[in-house]
Amino acid sequence: MNTTRHAGATLIRSASSRVILLGRRRKLDGKSNASRGYYRIPARAGWNDFTWSTATISANEPATNDANGPLRRVCIDVGADAATGYGIPGQFMQVRMSAEGKPAFLALANAPGKSGCGDGTLELLVKSVPGSTAEEVCQSAVGTVVETSPVMGKGFALEGAADGKPNALVFATGSGISPIRALLTSGALDGKSVRLYYGTANEEATAFLAESATWGCETVRVYSDGSGRHVQDALQEDIAKGLIDGANAFAVLCGQKEMTDDVKTILAGAGVDESAMVMNF
């Protein structure tokens, strides 16, 4: 049996390859903590082997210039212990409205330890889809109690992929900017020359539009409405202009499968090694 530390918890791997995650226990010091259990999670192949905890929506606001648009910035107060389980940009959590509800899988939008909503909170970028749990989350008032999983997933594993490569090519479409925002504001790309390709329908549908000016990267905005252009097209144009040095670049991608598949093919043709293309799942 092997035991290692991971993101504030202990991973125990037995001979049968079953992994058990033991979270740090929380002191129950009154009603404020009594409703949130501490975790003991047998983590197997699926995403269902854990103990759900209660959390509270602490903020819910438009994430775009369109106040009635489908994208919302939602903050969830999960408590300090659960928040420390988030250690790598690109990780996600499950959220459901009740024990009978279907969970939504939502990437975390803030850098680890840097939530704009305060200690013990996590930020989410949620797209309202009719009839879905995401729609219910988007329609929930501040103070609504929800159920959450522990933070999950490998995140953007940059080790190896980014080594010795000075240029970071980052790609996102739509709500896929959520974990990319977490990455860009985390400091993980400090010292790199970062070029972000961000595709949305139009400016009104672009999440974190004003804030993105502070991300410290060159941003190529691609609006498909009226032009039919996509991130792939912008990338190919830049390659044709000699702006992409594939041998000295690594890539981080999040968004629609068609986009990520096309971009990886284009990057490979430009000399970016497949091992230097990183996704969060």
Protein backbone atom coordinates (compact mmCIF):
# COMPACT_ATOMS: atom_id res chain seq x y z
CA MET A 1 0.00 0.00 0.00
CA ASN A 2 1.41 3.40 -1.05
CA THR A 3 0.49 6.65 0.67
CA THR A 4 1.06 10.16 -0.75
CA ARG A 5 -0.06 13.70 0.02
CA HIS A 6 -2.21 15.52 -2.52
CA ALA A 7 -3.94 18.92 -2.33
CA GLY A 8 -4.40 18.91 1.40
CA ALA A 9 -5.46 15.29 1.57
CA THR A 10 -3.95 11.82 1.71
CA LEU A 11 -4.08 9.41 -1.21
CA ILE A 12 -3.83 5.76 -0.22
CA ARG A 13 -3.42 3.26 -3.06
CA SER A 14 -3.94 -0.38 -2.19
CA ALA A 15 -2.78 -3.41 -4.09
CA SER A 16 -6.16 -3.56 -5.80
CA SER A 17 -5.58 -0.03 -7.23
CA ARG A 18 -8.45 1.32 -5.21
CA VAL A 19 -7.71 4.87 -4.13
CA ILE A 20 -9.05 6.40 -0.94
CA LEU A 21 -8.90 10.15 -0.41
CA LEU A 22 -8.95 11.21 3.21
CA GLY A 23 -9.66 14.93 3.52
CA ARG A 24 -8.52 16.90 6.52
CA ARG A 25 -11.13 16.78 9.25
CA ARG A 26 -12.91 19.99 10.13
CA LYS A 27 -13.63 21.03 13.68
CA LEU A 28 -17.30 21.53 14.29
CA ASP A 29 -17.42 24.79 16.16
CA GLY A 30 -21.06 25.63 16.06
CA LYS A 31 -23.85 25.75 13.51
CA SER A 32 -21.73 27.42 10.83
CA ASN A 33 -19.84 24.17 10.22
CA ALA A 34 -22.34 21.61 11.37
CA SER A 35 -24.10 21.33 8.02
CA ARG A 36 -20.91 20.69 6.07
CA GLY A 37 -19.50 17.20 6.53
CA TYR A 38 -15.87 16.37 6.08
CA TYR A 39 -14.83 14.06 3.31
CA ARG A 40 -13.87 10.42 3.20
CA ILE A 41 -13.86 9.54 -0.46
CA PRO A 42 -13.26 6.12 -1.96
CA ALA A 43 -12.22 7.24 -5.46
CA ARG A 44 -12.55 4.51 -8.07
CA ALA A 45 -13.01 4.69 -11.80
CA GLY A 46 -16.22 6.74 -11.78
CA TRP A 47 -17.20 10.15 -10.49
CA ASN A 48 -19.78 8.97 -7.95
CA ASP A 49 -17.74 7.53 -5.08
CA PHE A 50 -17.56 10.39 -2.62
CA THR A 51 -19.60 12.07 0.08
CA TRP A 52 -21.62 15.09 -1.01
CA SER A 53 -21.39 18.23 1.12
CA THR A 54 -23.66 21.24 1.40
CA ALA A 55 -22.57 24.68 0.22
CA THR A 56 -24.17 28.07 -0.28
CA ILE A 57 -24.34 30.31 -3.34
CA SER A 58 -22.69 33.56 -2.25
CA ALA A 59 -22.79 35.49 -5.54
CA ASN A 60 -24.62 35.21 -8.86
CA GLU A 61 -24.09 37.83 -11.54
CA PRO A 62 -23.80 38.18 -15.32
CA ALA A 63 -20.41 37.17 -16.69
CA THR A 64 -20.88 39.10 -19.95
CA ASN A 65 -22.05 42.55 -20.98
CA ASP A 66 -25.44 41.02 -21.76
CA ALA A 67 -27.21 41.00 -18.40
CA ASN A 68 -29.78 38.55 -19.77
CA GLY A 69 -27.27 36.27 -21.43
CA PRO A 70 -26.76 32.60 -20.53
CA LEU A 71 -23.36 32.96 -18.85
CA ARG A 72 -23.26 33.65 -15.13
CA ARG A 73 -20.41 34.07 -12.65
CA VAL A 74 -21.50 32.06 -9.63
CA CYS A 75 -19.59 31.87 -6.36
CA ILE A 76 -20.14 28.99 -3.96
CA ASP A 77 -19.13 29.04 -0.30
CA VAL A 78 -17.80 25.53 0.28
CA GLY A 79 -15.83 26.31 3.43
CA ALA A 80 -12.10 26.77 3.91
CA ASP A 81 -11.19 23.08 4.12
CA ALA A 82 -12.98 22.09 0.91
CA ALA A 83 -11.59 25.11 -0.94
CA THR A 84 -8.03 24.02 -0.14
CA GLY A 85 -8.70 20.82 -2.08
CA TYR A 86 -8.38 22.94 -5.22
CA GLY A 87 -4.74 23.01 -6.22
CA ILE A 88 -4.40 22.97 -10.02
CA PRO A 89 -6.10 25.24 -12.61
CA GLY A 90 -8.38 23.18 -14.81
CA GLN A 91 -9.95 21.14 -12.02
CA PHE A 92 -13.73 20.95 -11.63
CA MET A 93 -16.48 20.09 -9.19
CA GLN A 94 -19.96 18.63 -9.35
CA VAL A 95 -22.95 20.67 -8.22
CA ARG A 96 -26.53 19.53 -7.74
CA MET A 97 -29.59 21.18 -6.28
CA SER A 98 -30.65 18.26 -4.09
CA ALA A 99 -29.88 14.62 -3.34
CA GLU A 100 -32.33 13.63 -6.09
CA GLY A 101 -30.92 16.08 -8.63
CA LYS A 102 -28.65 15.42 -11.58
CA PRO A 103 -25.18 16.92 -11.06
CA ALA A 104 -23.59 19.51 -13.31
CA PHE A 105 -19.84 19.19 -13.92
CA LEU A 106 -18.40 22.70 -13.69
CA ALA A 107 -14.80 23.84 -14.15
CA LEU A 108 -13.47 26.24 -11.54
CA ALA A 109 -12.97 29.79 -12.84
CA ASN A 110 -10.68 31.22 -10.16
CA ALA A 111 -7.02 30.46 -9.64
CA PRO A 112 -6.36 28.20 -6.63
CA GLY A 113 -6.50 30.25 -3.45
CA LYS A 114 -7.54 33.41 -5.33
CA SER A 115 -11.33 33.52 -5.32
CA GLY A 116 -12.73 36.99 -5.82
CA CYS A 117 -15.59 36.13 -3.49
CA GLY A 118 -13.55 35.60 -0.33
CA ASP A 119 -12.03 32.82 1.72
CA GLY A 120 -13.70 29.43 1.48
CA THR A 121 -15.37 30.20 -1.85
CA LEU A 122 -14.93 28.92 -5.39
CA GLU A 123 -15.89 30.74 -8.59
CA LEU A 124 -17.73 29.09 -11.45
CA LEU A 125 -18.66 30.22 -14.95
CA VAL A 126 -22.01 28.56 -15.60
CA LYS A 127 -23.87 28.46 -18.91
CA SER A 128 -27.64 28.20 -18.54
CA VAL A 129 -28.96 25.35 -20.68
CA PRO A 130 -32.76 24.91 -20.65
CA GLY A 131 -33.89 22.00 -18.49
CA SER A 132 -30.47 21.41 -16.96
CA THR A 133 -28.99 21.67 -13.47
CA ALA A 134 -26.81 24.46 -14.83
CA GLU A 135 -29.96 26.43 -15.59
CA GLU A 136 -31.16 25.91 -12.01
CA VAL A 137 -27.83 27.12 -10.66
CA CYS A 138 -27.97 30.21 -12.87
CA GLN A 139 -31.46 31.00 -11.62
CA SER A 140 -30.62 30.50 -7.94
CA ALA A 141 -30.60 33.43 -5.54
CA VAL A 142 -27.75 34.26 -3.21
CA GLY A 143 -28.18 32.13 -0.09
CA THR A 144 -29.45 29.07 -1.95
CA VAL A 145 -28.07 25.84 -0.48
CA VAL A 146 -26.70 23.33 -2.98
CA GLU A 147 -24.75 20.08 -2.77
CA THR A 148 -21.17 19.84 -4.02
CA SER A 149 -18.54 17.21 -4.63
CA PRO A 150 -14.92 17.62 -3.64
CA VAL A 151 -12.73 19.31 -6.24
CA MET A 152 -11.90 16.75 -8.93
CA GLY A 153 -9.78 16.12 -11.99
CA LYS A 154 -6.14 16.39 -12.96
CA GLY A 155 -6.34 20.00 -14.12
CA PHE A 156 -3.89 21.37 -16.67
CA ALA A 157 -0.79 19.24 -16.11
CA LEU A 158 1.93 21.49 -17.51
CA GLU A 159 4.90 19.55 -16.17
CA GLY A 160 6.87 18.21 -19.09
CA ALA A 161 4.67 19.85 -21.71
CA ALA A 162 5.92 23.36 -20.96
CA ASP A 163 9.51 22.53 -20.03
CA GLY A 164 12.02 24.46 -22.09
CA LYS A 165 9.30 26.07 -24.21
CA PRO A 166 9.00 29.87 -23.90
CA ASN A 167 5.74 30.29 -25.80
CA ALA A 168 2.28 29.33 -24.56
CA LEU A 169 -0.57 29.08 -27.05
CA VAL A 170 -3.90 29.03 -25.21
CA PHE A 171 -7.27 28.25 -26.81
CA ALA A 172 -10.81 28.63 -25.50
CA THR A 173 -14.32 28.90 -26.84
CA GLY A 174 -17.47 30.01 -25.01
CA SER A 175 -17.66 28.89 -21.39
CA GLY A 176 -14.38 27.02 -21.91
CA ILE A 177 -12.72 30.26 -20.83
CA SER A 178 -13.56 29.31 -17.22
CA PRO A 179 -10.56 27.05 -16.45
CA ILE A 180 -8.40 29.10 -18.84
CA ARG A 181 -9.11 32.18 -16.72
CA ALA A 182 -8.01 30.17 -13.69
CA LEU A 183 -4.78 29.23 -15.44
CA LEU A 184 -3.99 32.73 -16.71
CA THR A 185 -4.49 34.31 -13.29
CA SER A 186 -2.69 31.61 -11.33
CA GLY A 187 0.88 32.56 -12.13
CA ALA A 188 1.53 29.14 -13.69
CA LEU A 189 2.49 30.78 -17.00
CA ASP A 190 4.68 33.50 -15.52
CA GLY A 191 7.80 33.98 -17.63
CA LYS A 192 6.12 32.63 -20.76
CA SER A 193 5.02 34.59 -23.81
CA VAL A 194 1.28 33.85 -23.79
CA ARG A 195 -1.05 34.15 -26.78
CA LEU A 196 -4.75 33.49 -26.10
CA TYR A 197 -7.18 32.61 -28.87
CA TYR A 198 -10.70 33.15 -27.52
CA GLY A 199 -13.70 32.37 -29.69
CA THR A 200 -17.25 33.55 -28.97
CA ALA A 201 -20.30 34.51 -30.98
CA ASN A 202 -19.82 38.25 -30.48
CA GLU A 203 -18.56 40.80 -27.96
CA GLU A 204 -21.79 40.70 -25.93
CA ALA A 205 -21.40 36.93 -25.48
CA THR A 206 -17.79 37.18 -24.28
CA ALA A 207 -17.26 36.32 -20.61
CA PHE A 208 -14.86 38.43 -18.53
CA LEU A 209 -14.42 40.88 -21.42
CA ALA A 210 -13.13 43.86 -19.43
CA GLU A 211 -11.22 41.77 -16.90
CA SER A 212 -9.31 39.92 -19.61
CA ALA A 213 -7.25 43.04 -20.27
CA THR A 214 -5.47 42.33 -16.96
CA TRP A 215 -4.51 38.74 -17.76
CA GLY A 216 -1.05 39.61 -19.06
CA CYS A 217 -1.35 37.90 -22.42
CA GLU A 218 -1.87 38.82 -26.05
CA THR A 219 -5.47 38.04 -26.90
CA VAL A 220 -6.81 37.13 -30.33
CA ARG A 221 -10.58 37.54 -30.17
CA VAL A 222 -12.55 35.61 -32.75
CA TYR A 223 -16.23 36.48 -33.21
CA SER A 224 -18.16 34.04 -35.38
CA ASP A 225 -21.36 36.08 -35.84
CA GLY A 226 -21.38 37.66 -39.26
CA SER A 227 -17.94 36.38 -40.16
CA GLY A 228 -18.16 32.62 -39.83
CA ARG A 229 -14.59 32.71 -38.54
CA HIS A 230 -13.47 30.42 -35.75
CA VAL A 231 -10.41 30.00 -33.56
CA GLN A 232 -9.02 27.47 -36.03
CA ASP A 233 -9.11 30.04 -38.82
CA ALA A 234 -7.30 32.66 -36.76
CA LEU A 235 -4.61 30.15 -35.84
CA GLN A 236 -4.05 29.13 -39.46
CA GLU A 237 -3.78 32.79 -40.47
CA ASP A 238 -1.14 33.42 -37.81
CA ILE A 239 0.84 30.36 -38.88
CA ALA A 240 0.77 31.62 -42.49
CA LYS A 241 2.12 34.98 -41.25
CA GLY A 242 5.00 33.24 -39.49
CA LEU A 243 3.78 34.24 -36.02
CA ILE A 244 3.85 30.72 -34.55
CA ASP A 245 7.12 29.00 -33.64
CA GLY A 246 5.83 25.50 -33.10
CA ALA A 247 9.12 23.99 -31.97
CA ASN A 248 9.26 26.40 -29.04
CA ALA A 249 5.60 26.35 -28.06
CA PHE A 250 3.20 24.34 -25.96
CA ALA A 251 -0.58 24.58 -26.06
CA VAL A 252 -3.44 24.56 -23.56
CA LEU A 253 -6.95 23.94 -24.90
CA CYS A 254 -10.50 24.00 -23.55
CA GLY A 255 -13.72 24.24 -25.49
CA GLN A 256 -15.83 22.53 -28.10
CA LYS A 257 -14.47 19.18 -29.27
CA GLU A 258 -14.47 20.23 -32.92
CA MET A 259 -12.28 23.20 -32.04
CA THR A 260 -9.82 21.28 -29.90
CA ASP A 261 -9.49 18.45 -32.43
CA ASP A 262 -8.92 20.87 -35.32
CA VAL A 263 -6.48 23.02 -33.38
CA LYS A 264 -4.39 20.02 -32.31
CA THR A 265 -4.16 18.88 -35.94
CA ILE A 266 -3.14 22.36 -37.09
CA LEU A 267 -0.57 22.71 -34.29
CA ALA A 268 0.96 19.34 -35.13
CA GLY A 269 1.42 20.52 -38.70
CA ALA A 270 3.14 23.64 -37.37
CA GLY A 271 5.66 21.62 -35.38
CA VAL A 272 4.07 21.51 -31.92
CA ASP A 273 4.66 18.11 -30.37
CA GLU A 274 1.53 16.20 -29.33
CA SER A 275 2.97 15.77 -25.83
CA ALA A 276 3.05 19.56 -25.54
CA MET A 277 -0.72 19.89 -26.05
CA VAL A 278 -2.52 19.98 -22.71
CA MET A 279 -6.19 19.60 -21.83
CA ASN A 280 -7.85 19.27 -18.43
CA PHE A 281 -9.54 15.91 -18.95
